[in-house]
Amino acid sequence: MRLLLDAGRMTPLRATVSYAVILGTLPYLTLKVSWLTGGRLGIADPELMNSPALFTANLVTGGMDLVAIVIALALTHRWGQKLPAWLVLFPAWVGTGFLLPIVLSSPAIGMDFVTNGTGGTALEPWVTPVVYASFTWQGVTLLAAFTLYVRSRWPHVFRHGEVTSGDLGPRGLAGAVLAVVACGFHVTWAITGDLTPTLRVVNVVHGALALAAAVGILALSSRFRGSATVAVWIGSAGMFSWGMWTAVTELGDLGALVQLGKGIGGVLLGLALLDKARDVARGRASQPTRTPVAPG
């Protein structure tokens, strides 16, 4: 296992994961390139792509998929271990936030496609299932690549068990409160909103991720645990990515204000997690090395 996680070489496992991520981006990127260059691949309504706003959206989302390819290579190649941590962690965090909720909701989304179709006439029926399948594939493979990366570059997150990490801190506390509020809204929307069954599941997933972030940061206030670290990472990422995206795309809506608060909470929780990791790393570095004493 150590050979597979070796940070100094491109192992077969790393190569497989890296190219699997890239393979998963190709369907989505093919559509985006076609639409941005005037093509009509998968377009049923010729007027659909005439909107400047939609062109900008396609440019941004297509660029995000290109970033996913670069991050996949950085996570699985030797040169990625030498990059500044923030240059890898931030886009990986954002990508986790966008993709993991889709992965967790994919059974409900897939069932909805099977029973109700994709709806609407602007796109060909095959486009939306292909896009969501691409997102799900990317989410699973990128998370695998990131796990291998973290285990080799920061092994103490998983290897050393529970370590004292200090109090919650103001950012952690504020982020936890916003996460609980966001969870409450998502659960309320899932129960009382005029939504399809699939959207109810999606809201439950987002609420669960926000709650996981809050519980995780509270757990880290006493002991630094690998499982709690993962909970804060995925929960805060989901809060930030979808919270900010929804707030921007639904300006003026009351729900957008909730999403903005959720996005801010995700930032606070992400920073609190970073503070905890730094404190633990400093604490380990300052611990004296014990020299064994021979008996007698």
C-alpha atoms as a PDB file:
ATOM      1  CA  MET A   1       0.000   0.000   0.000  1.00  0.00           C
ATOM      2  CA  ARG A   2       2.854   2.368   0.777  1.00  0.00           C
ATOM      3  CA  LEU A   3       4.122   1.897  -2.765  1.00  0.00           C
ATOM      4  CA  LEU A   4       0.755   2.935  -4.177  1.00  0.00           C
ATOM      5  CA  LEU A   5       0.700   6.115  -2.091  1.00  0.00           C
ATOM      6  CA  ASP A   6       4.352   7.021  -2.704  1.00  0.00           C
ATOM      7  CA  ALA A   7       4.467  10.782  -3.314  1.00  0.00           C
ATOM      8  CA  GLY A   8       7.715  10.520  -5.228  1.00  0.00           C
ATOM      9  CA  ARG A   9       6.546   8.448  -8.168  1.00  0.00           C
ATOM     10  CA  MET A  10       3.676   8.024 -10.612  1.00  0.00           C
ATOM     11  CA  THR A  11       2.258   4.674  -9.517  1.00  0.00           C
ATOM     12  CA  PRO A  12      -0.222   2.615 -11.554  1.00  0.00           C
ATOM     13  CA  LEU A  13      -3.003   3.554  -9.135  1.00  0.00           C
ATOM     14  CA  ARG A  14      -2.277   7.267  -9.460  1.00  0.00           C
ATOM     15  CA  ALA A  15      -2.089   7.017 -13.250  1.00  0.00           C
ATOM     16  CA  THR A  16      -5.405   5.169 -13.413  1.00  0.00           C
ATOM     17  CA  VAL A  17      -7.180   7.710 -11.208  1.00  0.00           C
ATOM     18  CA  SER A  18      -5.696  10.666 -13.080  1.00  0.00           C
ATOM     19  CA  TYR A  19      -6.762   9.460 -16.504  1.00  0.00           C
ATOM     20  CA  ALA A  20     -10.142   8.368 -15.185  1.00  0.00           C
ATOM     21  CA  VAL A  21     -10.826  11.956 -14.113  1.00  0.00           C
ATOM     22  CA  ILE A  22      -9.809  13.260 -17.531  1.00  0.00           C
ATOM     23  CA  LEU A  23     -11.982  10.656 -19.249  1.00  0.00           C
ATOM     24  CA  GLY A  24     -14.953  11.818 -17.200  1.00  0.00           C
ATOM     25  CA  THR A  25     -14.543  15.432 -18.314  1.00  0.00           C
ATOM     26  CA  LEU A  26     -14.582  14.680 -22.041  1.00  0.00           C
ATOM     27  CA  PRO A  27     -18.374  14.452 -22.629  1.00  0.00           C
ATOM     28  CA  TYR A  28     -19.023  17.733 -20.834  1.00  0.00           C
ATOM     29  CA  LEU A  29     -16.086  19.524 -22.450  1.00  0.00           C
ATOM     30  CA  THR A  30     -17.140  18.296 -25.898  1.00  0.00           C
ATOM     31  CA  LEU A  31     -20.553  19.880 -25.435  1.00  0.00           C
ATOM     32  CA  LYS A  32     -19.088  23.138 -24.140  1.00  0.00           C
ATOM     33  CA  VAL A  33     -16.575  23.446 -26.985  1.00  0.00           C
ATOM     34  CA  SER A  34     -19.336  22.809 -29.504  1.00  0.00           C
ATOM     35  CA  TRP A  35     -21.629  25.422 -27.992  1.00  0.00           C
ATOM     36  CA  LEU A  36     -18.913  28.042 -27.548  1.00  0.00           C
ATOM     37  CA  THR A  37     -17.764  27.686 -31.160  1.00  0.00           C
ATOM     38  CA  GLY A  38     -21.218  27.931 -32.688  1.00  0.00           C
ATOM     39  CA  GLY A  39     -21.963  24.219 -32.849  1.00  0.00           C
ATOM     40  CA  ARG A  40     -25.365  22.757 -32.105  1.00  0.00           C
ATOM     41  CA  LEU A  41     -24.429  19.378 -30.623  1.00  0.00           C
ATOM     42  CA  GLY A  42     -27.308  18.254 -28.443  1.00  0.00           C
ATOM     43  CA  ILE A  43     -29.291  21.467 -29.080  1.00  0.00           C
ATOM     44  CA  ALA A  44     -32.948  21.063 -30.043  1.00  0.00           C
ATOM     45  CA  ASP A  45     -33.763  24.803 -30.006  1.00  0.00           C
ATOM     46  CA  PRO A  46     -31.437  26.760 -32.371  1.00  0.00           C
ATOM     47  CA  GLU A  47     -32.162  30.009 -30.475  1.00  0.00           C
ATOM     48  CA  LEU A  48     -30.959  28.625 -27.154  1.00  0.00           C
ATOM     49  CA  MET A  49     -27.306  29.618 -27.523  1.00  0.00           C
ATOM     50  CA  ASN A  50     -27.929  33.169 -28.748  1.00  0.00           C
ATOM     51  CA  SER A  51     -27.990  34.588 -25.208  1.00  0.00           C
ATOM     52  CA  PRO A  52     -24.779  36.407 -24.097  1.00  0.00           C
ATOM     53  CA  ALA A  53     -25.476  35.310 -20.528  1.00  0.00           C
ATOM     54  CA  LEU A  54     -25.625  31.670 -21.576  1.00  0.00           C
ATOM     55  CA  PHE A  55     -22.408  32.057 -23.581  1.00  0.00           C
ATOM     56  CA  THR A  56     -20.700  33.425 -20.453  1.00  0.00           C
ATOM     57  CA  ALA A  57     -22.106  30.600 -18.336  1.00  0.00           C
ATOM     58  CA  ASN A  58     -20.812  28.025 -20.821  1.00  0.00           C
ATOM     59  CA  LEU A  59     -17.404  29.701 -20.837  1.00  0.00           C
ATOM     60  CA  VAL A  60     -17.194  29.667 -17.035  1.00  0.00           C
ATOM     61  CA  THR A  61     -18.407  26.088 -16.576  1.00  0.00           C
ATOM     62  CA  GLY A  62     -16.244  24.790 -19.414  1.00  0.00           C
ATOM     63  CA  GLY A  63     -13.263  26.523 -17.824  1.00  0.00           C
ATOM     64  CA  MET A  64     -14.080  24.862 -14.505  1.00  0.00           C
ATOM     65  CA  ASP A  65     -13.857  21.468 -16.184  1.00  0.00           C
ATOM     66  CA  LEU A  66     -10.449  22.369 -17.606  1.00  0.00           C
ATOM     67  CA  VAL A  67      -9.348  23.281 -14.084  1.00  0.00           C
ATOM     68  CA  ALA A  68     -10.554  19.849 -12.956  1.00  0.00           C
ATOM     69  CA  ILE A  69      -8.159  18.252 -15.433  1.00  0.00           C
ATOM     70  CA  VAL A  70      -5.214  20.324 -14.169  1.00  0.00           C
ATOM     71  CA  ILE A  71      -6.081  19.499 -10.550  1.00  0.00           C
ATOM     72  CA  ALA A  72      -6.356  15.795 -11.361  1.00  0.00           C
ATOM     73  CA  LEU A  73      -2.854  15.871 -12.842  1.00  0.00           C
ATOM     74  CA  ALA A  74      -1.515  17.850  -9.876  1.00  0.00           C
ATOM     75  CA  LEU A  75      -3.043  15.392  -7.410  1.00  0.00           C
ATOM     76  CA  THR A  76      -1.508  12.365  -9.090  1.00  0.00           C
ATOM     77  CA  HIS A  77       1.885  13.526 -10.429  1.00  0.00           C
ATOM     78  CA  ARG A  78       5.115  14.288  -8.605  1.00  0.00           C
ATOM     79  CA  TRP A  79       5.125  18.003  -9.511  1.00  0.00           C
ATOM     80  CA  GLY A  80       1.794  18.440  -7.744  1.00  0.00           C
ATOM     81  CA  GLN A  81       3.423  17.596  -4.400  1.00  0.00           C
ATOM     82  CA  LYS A  82       5.684  20.645  -4.783  1.00  0.00           C
ATOM     83  CA  LEU A  83       2.947  23.182  -5.476  1.00  0.00           C
ATOM     84  CA  PRO A  84       1.903  25.631  -2.737  1.00  0.00           C
ATOM     85  CA  ALA A  85      -0.772  23.937  -0.664  1.00  0.00           C
ATOM     86  CA  TRP A  86      -3.429  26.603  -1.304  1.00  0.00           C
ATOM     87  CA  LEU A  87      -3.008  26.270  -5.067  1.00  0.00           C
ATOM     88  CA  VAL A  88      -4.135  22.648  -4.841  1.00  0.00           C
ATOM     89  CA  LEU A  89      -6.468  22.741  -1.863  1.00  0.00           C
ATOM     90  CA  PHE A  90      -8.718  25.627  -2.899  1.00  0.00           C
ATOM     91  CA  PRO A  91      -9.779  24.346  -6.339  1.00  0.00           C
ATOM     92  CA  ALA A  92     -10.003  20.794  -4.974  1.00  0.00           C
ATOM     93  CA  TRP A  93     -12.238  22.092  -2.167  1.00  0.00           C
ATOM     94  CA  VAL A  94     -14.468  23.997  -4.587  1.00  0.00           C
ATOM     95  CA  GLY A  95     -14.649  20.998  -6.912  1.00  0.00           C
ATOM     96  CA  THR A  96     -15.582  18.731  -4.013  1.00  0.00           C
ATOM     97  CA  GLY A  97     -18.341  21.140  -3.070  1.00  0.00           C
ATOM     98  CA  PHE A  98     -19.861  21.165  -6.540  1.00  0.00           C
ATOM     99  CA  LEU A  99     -19.535  17.487  -7.362  1.00  0.00           C
ATOM    100  CA  LEU A 100     -20.151  15.588  -4.114  1.00  0.00           C
ATOM    101  CA  PRO A 101     -23.813  16.654  -3.738  1.00  0.00           C
ATOM    102  CA  ILE A 102     -24.408  15.466  -7.307  1.00  0.00           C
ATOM    103  CA  VAL A 103     -22.716  12.141  -6.527  1.00  0.00           C
ATOM    104  CA  LEU A 104     -24.836  11.657  -3.392  1.00  0.00           C
ATOM    105  CA  SER A 105     -28.028  12.663  -5.209  1.00  0.00           C
ATOM    106  CA  SER A 106     -27.258  10.655  -8.350  1.00  0.00           C
ATOM    107  CA  PRO A 107     -29.534   7.674  -7.538  1.00  0.00           C
ATOM    108  CA  ALA A 108     -32.540   9.985  -7.209  1.00  0.00           C
ATOM    109  CA  ILE A 109     -31.520  12.023 -10.264  1.00  0.00           C
ATOM    110  CA  GLY A 110     -31.041   8.867 -12.329  1.00  0.00           C
ATOM    111  CA  MET A 111     -34.392   7.475 -11.251  1.00  0.00           C
ATOM    112  CA  ASP A 112     -36.027  10.752 -12.211  1.00  0.00           C
ATOM    113  CA  PHE A 113     -34.491  10.531 -15.692  1.00  0.00           C
ATOM    114  CA  VAL A 114     -35.795   6.987 -16.092  1.00  0.00           C
ATOM    115  CA  THR A 115     -39.341   7.683 -14.915  1.00  0.00           C
ATOM    116  CA  ASN A 116     -39.952  11.252 -16.105  1.00  0.00           C
ATOM    117  CA  GLY A 117     -37.357  11.935 -18.804  1.00  0.00           C
ATOM    118  CA  THR A 118     -35.328  15.136 -18.910  1.00  0.00           C
ATOM    119  CA  GLY A 119     -38.202  17.527 -19.568  1.00  0.00           C
ATOM    120  CA  GLY A 120     -38.186  20.580 -21.820  1.00  0.00           C
ATOM    121  CA  THR A 121     -37.371  20.827 -25.505  1.00  0.00           C
ATOM    122  CA  ALA A 122     -34.293  23.100 -25.579  1.00  0.00           C
ATOM    123  CA  LEU A 123     -31.823  20.193 -25.352  1.00  0.00           C
ATOM    124  CA  GLU A 124     -31.839  16.752 -26.890  1.00  0.00           C
ATOM    125  CA  PRO A 125     -33.078  14.107 -24.405  1.00  0.00           C
ATOM    126  CA  TRP A 126     -29.644  12.508 -24.036  1.00  0.00           C
ATOM    127  CA  VAL A 127     -27.765  15.674 -23.034  1.00  0.00           C
ATOM    128  CA  THR A 128     -28.813  16.077 -19.397  1.00  0.00           C
ATOM    129  CA  PRO A 129     -28.214  12.413 -18.406  1.00  0.00           C
ATOM    130  CA  VAL A 130     -24.794  12.512 -20.074  1.00  0.00           C
ATOM    131  CA  VAL A 131     -23.874  15.720 -18.238  1.00  0.00           C
ATOM    132  CA  TYR A 132     -24.932  14.381 -14.842  1.00  0.00           C
ATOM    133  CA  ALA A 133     -23.193  11.071 -15.473  1.00  0.00           C
ATOM    134  CA  SER A 134     -20.048  13.044 -16.309  1.00  0.00           C
ATOM    135  CA  PHE A 135     -20.342  15.040 -13.085  1.00  0.00           C
ATOM    136  CA  THR A 136     -20.860  11.897 -11.015  1.00  0.00           C
ATOM    137  CA  TRP A 137     -17.847  10.203 -12.596  1.00  0.00           C
ATOM    138  CA  GLN A 138     -15.695  13.274 -11.994  1.00  0.00           C
ATOM    139  CA  GLY A 139     -16.838  13.531  -8.395  1.00  0.00           C
ATOM    140  CA  VAL A 140     -15.933   9.947  -7.533  1.00  0.00           C
ATOM    141  CA  THR A 141     -12.580   9.947  -9.328  1.00  0.00           C
ATOM    142  CA  LEU A 142     -11.487  13.390  -8.123  1.00  0.00           C
ATOM    143  CA  LEU A 143     -12.271  12.441  -4.522  1.00  0.00           C
ATOM    144  CA  ALA A 144     -10.175   9.304  -4.958  1.00  0.00           C
ATOM    145  CA  ALA A 145      -7.298  11.350  -6.376  1.00  0.00           C
ATOM    146  CA  PHE A 146      -7.546  13.873  -3.555  1.00  0.00           C
ATOM    147  CA  THR A 147      -7.557  11.155  -0.897  1.00  0.00           C
ATOM    148  CA  LEU A 148      -4.353   9.667  -2.313  1.00  0.00           C
ATOM    149  CA  TYR A 149      -2.791  13.122  -2.436  1.00  0.00           C
ATOM    150  CA  VAL A 150      -3.632  14.040   1.157  1.00  0.00           C
ATOM    151  CA  ARG A 151      -2.513  10.689   2.515  1.00  0.00           C
ATOM    152  CA  SER A 152       0.913  11.120   0.956  1.00  0.00           C
ATOM    153  CA  ARG A 153       1.468  14.865   1.480  1.00  0.00           C
ATOM    154  CA  TRP A 154      -0.167  15.259   4.913  1.00  0.00           C
ATOM    155  CA  PRO A 155      -0.217  11.738   6.382  1.00  0.00           C
ATOM    156  CA  HIS A 156      -0.723  13.002   9.949  1.00  0.00           C
ATOM    157  CA  VAL A 157      -4.361  13.825   9.120  1.00  0.00           C
ATOM    158  CA  PHE A 158      -5.089  10.084   8.972  1.00  0.00           C
ATOM    159  CA  ARG A 159      -2.133   8.353  10.587  1.00  0.00           C
ATOM    160  CA  HIS A 160      -1.864   9.704  14.101  1.00  0.00           C
ATOM    161  CA  GLY A 161      -5.366   9.193  15.427  1.00  0.00           C
ATOM    162  CA  GLU A 162      -6.791  11.736  17.853  1.00  0.00           C
ATOM    163  CA  VAL A 163      -4.706  14.767  18.809  1.00  0.00           C
ATOM    164  CA  THR A 164      -5.652  17.770  20.953  1.00  0.00           C
ATOM    165  CA  SER A 165      -6.513  20.689  18.662  1.00  0.00           C
ATOM    166  CA  GLY A 166      -7.680  23.560  20.883  1.00  0.00           C
ATOM    167  CA  ASP A 167     -10.974  25.443  21.188  1.00  0.00           C
ATOM    168  CA  LEU A 168     -13.551  26.079  18.484  1.00  0.00           C
ATOM    169  CA  GLY A 169     -12.559  29.658  17.679  1.00  0.00           C
ATOM    170  CA  PRO A 170     -14.839  32.493  16.489  1.00  0.00           C
ATOM    171  CA  ARG A 171     -14.736  31.464  12.823  1.00  0.00           C
ATOM    172  CA  GLY A 172     -15.581  27.889  13.662  1.00  0.00           C
ATOM    173  CA  LEU A 173     -18.437  28.945  15.934  1.00  0.00           C
ATOM    174  CA  ALA A 174     -19.926  31.382  13.408  1.00  0.00           C
ATOM    175  CA  GLY A 175     -19.557  28.848  10.618  1.00  0.00           C
ATOM    176  CA  ALA A 176     -21.232  26.135  12.687  1.00  0.00           C
ATOM    177  CA  VAL A 177     -24.205  28.411  13.433  1.00  0.00           C
ATOM    178  CA  LEU A 178     -24.624  29.278   9.748  1.00  0.00           C
ATOM    179  CA  ALA A 179     -24.337  25.586   8.854  1.00  0.00           C
ATOM    180  CA  VAL A 180     -27.120  24.643  11.270  1.00  0.00           C
ATOM    181  CA  VAL A 181     -29.305  27.445   9.915  1.00  0.00           C
ATOM    182  CA  ALA A 182     -28.656  26.293   6.350  1.00  0.00           C
ATOM    183  CA  CYS A 183     -29.476  22.718   7.317  1.00  0.00           C
ATOM    184  CA  GLY A 184     -32.757  23.887   8.841  1.00  0.00           C
ATOM    185  CA  PHE A 185     -33.760  25.725   5.669  1.00  0.00           C
ATOM    186  CA  HIS A 186     -32.891  22.801   3.405  1.00  0.00           C
ATOM    187  CA  VAL A 187     -34.832  20.329   5.526  1.00  0.00           C
ATOM    188  CA  THR A 188     -37.800  22.715   5.666  1.00  0.00           C
ATOM    189  CA  TRP A 189     -37.745  23.139   1.880  1.00  0.00           C
ATOM    190  CA  ALA A 190     -37.488  19.367   1.447  1.00  0.00           C
ATOM    191  CA  ILE A 191     -40.539  18.770   3.667  1.00  0.00           C
ATOM    192  CA  THR A 192     -42.831  21.705   2.893  1.00  0.00           C
ATOM    193  CA  GLY A 193     -41.651  23.034  -0.484  1.00  0.00           C
ATOM    194  CA  ASP A 194     -43.542  22.535  -3.736  1.00  0.00           C
ATOM    195  CA  LEU A 195     -40.757  20.356  -5.135  1.00  0.00           C
ATOM    196  CA  THR A 196     -40.321  17.186  -7.132  1.00  0.00           C
ATOM    197  CA  PRO A 197     -39.182  14.103  -5.185  1.00  0.00           C
ATOM    198  CA  THR A 198     -35.718  14.481  -6.700  1.00  0.00           C
ATOM    199  CA  LEU A 199     -35.366  18.079  -5.521  1.00  0.00           C
ATOM    200  CA  ARG A 200     -36.482  16.994  -2.054  1.00  0.00           C
ATOM    201  CA  VAL A 201     -33.626  14.485  -2.015  1.00  0.00           C
ATOM    202  CA  VAL A 202     -31.202  17.139  -3.253  1.00  0.00           C
ATOM    203  CA  ASN A 203     -32.236  19.470  -0.427  1.00  0.00           C
ATOM    204  CA  VAL A 204     -31.839  16.692   2.127  1.00  0.00           C
ATOM    205  CA  VAL A 205     -28.328  16.021   0.796  1.00  0.00           C
ATOM    206  CA  HIS A 206     -27.349  19.693   1.076  1.00  0.00           C
ATOM    207  CA  GLY A 207     -28.816  19.878   4.567  1.00  0.00           C
ATOM    208  CA  ALA A 208     -26.956  16.743   5.642  1.00  0.00           C
ATOM    209  CA  LEU A 209     -23.650  18.099   4.332  1.00  0.00           C
ATOM    210  CA  ALA A 210     -24.141  21.371   6.221  1.00  0.00           C
ATOM    211  CA  LEU A 211     -24.974  19.467   9.396  1.00  0.00           C
ATOM    212  CA  ALA A 212     -21.921  17.230   8.910  1.00  0.00           C
ATOM    213  CA  ALA A 213     -19.735  20.330   8.713  1.00  0.00           C
ATOM    214  CA  ALA A 214     -21.197  21.730  11.937  1.00  0.00           C
ATOM    215  CA  VAL A 215     -20.839  18.438  13.823  1.00  0.00           C
ATOM    216  CA  GLY A 216     -17.342  17.938  12.450  1.00  0.00           C
ATOM    217  CA  ILE A 217     -16.033  21.335  13.539  1.00  0.00           C
ATOM    218  CA  LEU A 218     -17.535  20.840  17.003  1.00  0.00           C
ATOM    219  CA  ALA A 219     -15.763  17.479  17.240  1.00  0.00           C
ATOM    220  CA  LEU A 220     -12.490  19.110  16.186  1.00  0.00           C
ATOM    221  CA  SER A 221     -12.805  21.643  18.989  1.00  0.00           C
ATOM    222  CA  SER A 222     -11.574  18.984  21.408  1.00  0.00           C
ATOM    223  CA  ARG A 223      -9.718  16.357  19.379  1.00  0.00           C
ATOM    224  CA  PHE A 224      -8.295  16.386  15.848  1.00  0.00           C
ATOM    225  CA  ARG A 225      -9.723  13.329  14.088  1.00  0.00           C
ATOM    226  CA  GLY A 226      -9.456  12.216  10.501  1.00  0.00           C
ATOM    227  CA  SER A 227     -13.193  11.463  10.241  1.00  0.00           C
ATOM    228  CA  ALA A 228     -14.188  14.872  11.607  1.00  0.00           C
ATOM    229  CA  THR A 229     -11.707  16.529   9.247  1.00  0.00           C
ATOM    230  CA  VAL A 230     -13.362  14.825   6.278  1.00  0.00           C
ATOM    231  CA  ALA A 231     -16.816  15.892   7.512  1.00  0.00           C
ATOM    232  CA  VAL A 232     -15.800  19.546   7.753  1.00  0.00           C
ATOM    233  CA  TRP A 233     -14.003  19.415   4.409  1.00  0.00           C
ATOM    234  CA  ILE A 234     -16.901  18.006   2.393  1.00  0.00           C
ATOM    235  CA  GLY A 235     -19.577  19.890   4.322  1.00  0.00           C
ATOM    236  CA  SER A 236     -17.939  23.311   4.122  1.00  0.00           C
ATOM    237  CA  ALA A 237     -17.089  22.737   0.452  1.00  0.00           C
ATOM    238  CA  GLY A 238     -20.700  21.964  -0.411  1.00  0.00           C
ATOM    239  CA  MET A 239     -21.897  24.982   1.537  1.00  0.00           C
ATOM    240  CA  PHE A 240     -19.487  27.343  -0.214  1.00  0.00           C
ATOM    241  CA  SER A 241     -19.717  26.099  -3.793  1.00  0.00           C
ATOM    242  CA  TRP A 242     -23.460  25.694  -4.143  1.00  0.00           C
ATOM    243  CA  GLY A 243     -24.285  28.474  -1.711  1.00  0.00           C
ATOM    244  CA  MET A 244     -22.308  31.092  -3.637  1.00  0.00           C
ATOM    245  CA  TRP A 245     -23.338  29.742  -7.050  1.00  0.00           C
ATOM    246  CA  THR A 246     -27.035  29.808  -6.159  1.00  0.00           C
ATOM    247  CA  ALA A 247     -26.774  33.219  -4.530  1.00  0.00           C
ATOM    248  CA  VAL A 248     -25.274  34.678  -7.713  1.00  0.00           C
ATOM    249  CA  THR A 249     -27.666  32.979 -10.127  1.00  0.00           C
ATOM    250  CA  GLU A 250     -30.801  33.760  -8.087  1.00  0.00           C
ATOM    251  CA  LEU A 251     -30.180  37.408  -7.169  1.00  0.00           C
ATOM    252  CA  GLY A 252     -33.139  39.106  -5.506  1.00  0.00           C
ATOM    253  CA  ASP A 253     -34.726  35.885  -4.287  1.00  0.00           C
ATOM    254  CA  LEU A 254     -35.146  35.256  -0.554  1.00  0.00           C
ATOM    255  CA  GLY A 255     -33.575  31.865  -0.986  1.00  0.00           C
ATOM    256  CA  ALA A 256     -30.515  33.576  -2.465  1.00  0.00           C
ATOM    257  CA  LEU A 257     -29.945  35.350   0.865  1.00  0.00           C
ATOM    258  CA  VAL A 258     -30.020  32.001   2.654  1.00  0.00           C
ATOM    259  CA  GLN A 259     -27.608  30.574   0.099  1.00  0.00           C
ATOM    260  CA  LEU A 260     -25.272  33.550   0.548  1.00  0.00           C
ATOM    261  CA  GLY A 261     -25.211  32.957   4.293  1.00  0.00           C
ATOM    262  CA  LYS A 262     -24.523  29.279   3.637  1.00  0.00           C
ATOM    263  CA  GLY A 263     -21.638  30.182   1.335  1.00  0.00           C
ATOM    264  CA  ILE A 264     -20.138  32.504   3.927  1.00  0.00           C
ATOM    265  CA  GLY A 265     -20.515  29.770   6.533  1.00  0.00           C
ATOM    266  CA  GLY A 266     -18.635  27.407   4.249  1.00  0.00           C
ATOM    267  CA  VAL A 267     -15.749  29.870   4.004  1.00  0.00           C
ATOM    268  CA  LEU A 268     -15.618  30.289   7.783  1.00  0.00           C
ATOM    269  CA  LEU A 269     -15.658  26.542   8.383  1.00  0.00           C
ATOM    270  CA  GLY A 270     -12.979  25.966   5.748  1.00  0.00           C
ATOM    271  CA  LEU A 271     -10.734  28.576   7.397  1.00  0.00           C
ATOM    272  CA  ALA A 272     -11.430  27.091  10.829  1.00  0.00           C
ATOM    273  CA  LEU A 273     -10.423  23.658   9.544  1.00  0.00           C
ATOM    274  CA  LEU A 274      -7.214  25.128   8.144  1.00  0.00           C
ATOM    275  CA  ASP A 275      -6.475  26.750  11.513  1.00  0.00           C
ATOM    276  CA  LYS A 276      -6.970  23.427  13.286  1.00  0.00           C
ATOM    277  CA  ALA A 277      -4.685  21.589  10.883  1.00  0.00           C
ATOM    278  CA  ARG A 278      -1.970  24.217  11.298  1.00  0.00           C
ATOM    279  CA  ASP A 279      -2.224  24.118  15.098  1.00  0.00           C
ATOM    280  CA  VAL A 280      -1.907  20.337  15.124  1.00  0.00           C
ATOM    281  CA  ALA A 281       1.043  20.414  12.714  1.00  0.00           C
ATOM    282  CA  ARG A 282       2.833  23.013  14.852  1.00  0.00           C
ATOM    283  CA  GLY A 283       2.113  21.018  18.008  1.00  0.00           C
ATOM    284  CA  ARG A 284       3.630  17.873  16.531  1.00  0.00           C
ATOM    285  CA  ALA A 285       6.643  19.748  15.220  1.00  0.00           C
ATOM    286  CA  SER A 286       7.335  21.187  18.677  1.00  0.00           C
ATOM    287  CA  GLN A 287       7.093  17.839  20.475  1.00  0.00           C
ATOM    288  CA  PRO A 288      10.523  16.560  21.535  1.00  0.00           C
ATOM    289  CA  THR A 289      11.715  13.304  20.101  1.00  0.00           C
ATOM    290  CA  ARG A 290      12.103  10.615  22.726  1.00  0.00           C
ATOM    291  CA  THR A 291      15.353   8.701  22.746  1.00  0.00           C
ATOM    292  CA  PRO A 292      14.982   5.073  23.828  1.00  0.00           C
ATOM    293  CA  VAL A 293      16.935   4.164  26.941  1.00  0.00           C
ATOM    294  CA  ALA A 294      18.548   0.748  27.085  1.00  0.00           C
ATOM    295  CA  PRO A 295      17.481  -1.327  30.103  1.00  0.00           C
ATOM    296  CA  GLY A 296      19.942  -1.627  32.932  1.00  0.00           C
END
